[in-house]
């Protein structure tokens, strides 16, 4: 259950990351400040890294059980 949640969350975060990158492109084209948008992107990427790490840890634990 925890592994499924971590994997699901990783996919959800990837969608958010993709949208945030697109927002940054739009802001850049409009020559607007992207500082806050880039900070949000960094936080999303950091969260995704944590979920990926958690998924890998849980997968390794499950492998030991089988």
C-alpha atoms as a PDB file:
ATOM      1  CA  UNK A   1       0.000   0.000   0.000  1.00  0.00           C
ATOM      2  CA  UNK A   2       2.797   2.441   0.895  1.00  0.00           C
ATOM      3  CA  UNK A   3       4.673   1.530  -2.271  1.00  0.00           C
ATOM      4  CA  UNK A   4       1.584   2.097  -4.415  1.00  0.00           C
ATOM      5  CA  UNK A   5       1.087   5.481  -2.769  1.00  0.00           C
ATOM      6  CA  UNK A   6       4.710   6.497  -3.366  1.00  0.00           C
ATOM      7  CA  UNK A   7       4.564   5.417  -7.015  1.00  0.00           C
ATOM      8  CA  UNK A   8       1.234   7.184  -7.553  1.00  0.00           C
ATOM      9  CA  UNK A   9       2.548  10.345  -5.926  1.00  0.00           C
ATOM     10  CA  UNK A  10       5.689  10.251  -8.095  1.00  0.00           C
ATOM     11  CA  UNK A  11       3.534  10.214 -11.236  1.00  0.00           C
ATOM     12  CA  UNK A  12       1.313  13.008  -9.927  1.00  0.00           C
ATOM     13  CA  UNK A  13       4.325  15.132  -9.092  1.00  0.00           C
ATOM     14  CA  UNK A  14       5.760  14.577 -12.567  1.00  0.00           C
ATOM     15  CA  UNK A  15       2.575  16.059 -14.031  1.00  0.00           C
ATOM     16  CA  UNK A  16       2.899  19.080 -11.737  1.00  0.00           C
ATOM     17  CA  UNK A  17       6.572  19.445 -12.658  1.00  0.00           C
ATOM     18  CA  UNK A  18       5.777  19.350 -16.371  1.00  0.00           C
ATOM     19  CA  UNK A  19       3.078  22.011 -15.963  1.00  0.00           C
ATOM     20  CA  UNK A  20       5.366  24.188 -13.868  1.00  0.00           C
ATOM     21  CA  UNK A  21       8.113  23.998 -16.501  1.00  0.00           C
ATOM     22  CA  UNK A  22       5.570  25.089 -19.108  1.00  0.00           C
ATOM     23  CA  UNK A  23       4.537  28.027 -16.908  1.00  0.00           C
ATOM     24  CA  UNK A  24       8.172  29.077 -16.625  1.00  0.00           C
ATOM     25  CA  UNK A  25       8.532  28.964 -20.414  1.00  0.00           C
ATOM     26  CA  UNK A  26       5.446  31.143 -20.783  1.00  0.00           C
ATOM     27  CA  UNK A  27       6.759  33.625 -18.216  1.00  0.00           C
ATOM     28  CA  UNK A  28      10.135  33.719 -19.945  1.00  0.00           C
ATOM     29  CA  UNK A  29       8.517  34.397 -23.327  1.00  0.00           C
ATOM     30  CA  UNK A  30       6.570  37.248 -21.749  1.00  0.00           C
ATOM     31  CA  UNK A  31       9.842  38.474 -20.198  1.00  0.00           C
ATOM     32  CA  UNK A  32       8.344  38.232 -16.718  1.00  0.00           C
ATOM     33  CA  UNK A  33      10.093  37.295 -13.486  1.00  0.00           C
ATOM     34  CA  UNK A  34      10.308  33.522 -13.015  1.00  0.00           C
ATOM     35  CA  UNK A  35      11.931  33.508  -9.577  1.00  0.00           C
ATOM     36  CA  UNK A  36       8.927  32.245  -7.610  1.00  0.00           C
ATOM     37  CA  UNK A  37       7.896  29.799 -10.351  1.00  0.00           C
ATOM     38  CA  UNK A  38      11.417  28.369 -10.352  1.00  0.00           C
ATOM     39  CA  UNK A  39      11.360  28.056  -6.565  1.00  0.00           C
ATOM     40  CA  UNK A  40       8.080  26.136  -6.775  1.00  0.00           C
ATOM     41  CA  UNK A  41       9.603  23.900  -9.455  1.00  0.00           C
ATOM     42  CA  UNK A  42      12.566  23.190  -7.197  1.00  0.00           C
ATOM     43  CA  UNK A  43      10.264  22.223  -4.344  1.00  0.00           C
ATOM     44  CA  UNK A  44       8.246  19.934  -6.598  1.00  0.00           C
ATOM     45  CA  UNK A  45      11.415  18.265  -7.863  1.00  0.00           C
ATOM     46  CA  UNK A  46      12.689  17.848  -4.321  1.00  0.00           C
ATOM     47  CA  UNK A  47       9.412  16.221  -3.260  1.00  0.00           C
ATOM     48  CA  UNK A  48       9.552  13.897  -6.237  1.00  0.00           C
ATOM     49  CA  UNK A  49      13.093  12.871  -5.331  1.00  0.00           C
ATOM     50  CA  UNK A  50      11.901  11.964  -1.833  1.00  0.00           C
ATOM     51  CA  UNK A  51       9.046   9.852  -3.188  1.00  0.00           C
ATOM     52  CA  UNK A  52      11.340   8.092  -5.672  1.00  0.00           C
ATOM     53  CA  UNK A  53      13.776   7.326  -2.857  1.00  0.00           C
ATOM     54  CA  UNK A  54      10.920   6.032  -0.723  1.00  0.00           C
ATOM     55  CA  UNK A  55       9.653   3.855  -3.598  1.00  0.00           C
ATOM     56  CA  UNK A  56      13.097   2.362  -4.102  1.00  0.00           C
ATOM     57  CA  UNK A  57      13.459   1.686  -0.377  1.00  0.00           C
ATOM     58  CA  UNK A  58      10.068  -0.021  -0.219  1.00  0.00           C
ATOM     59  CA  UNK A  59      10.773  -2.089  -3.340  1.00  0.00           C
ATOM     60  CA  UNK A  60      14.067  -3.265  -1.851  1.00  0.00           C
ATOM     61  CA  UNK A  61      12.315  -4.210   1.398  1.00  0.00           C
ATOM     62  CA  UNK A  62       9.674  -6.181  -0.506  1.00  0.00           C
ATOM     63  CA  UNK A  63      12.337  -8.028  -2.475  1.00  0.00           C
ATOM     64  CA  UNK A  64      13.962  -9.153   0.772  1.00  0.00           C
ATOM     65  CA  UNK A  65      10.631 -10.591   1.894  1.00  0.00           C
ATOM     66  CA  UNK A  66      10.185 -12.715  -1.228  1.00  0.00           C
END
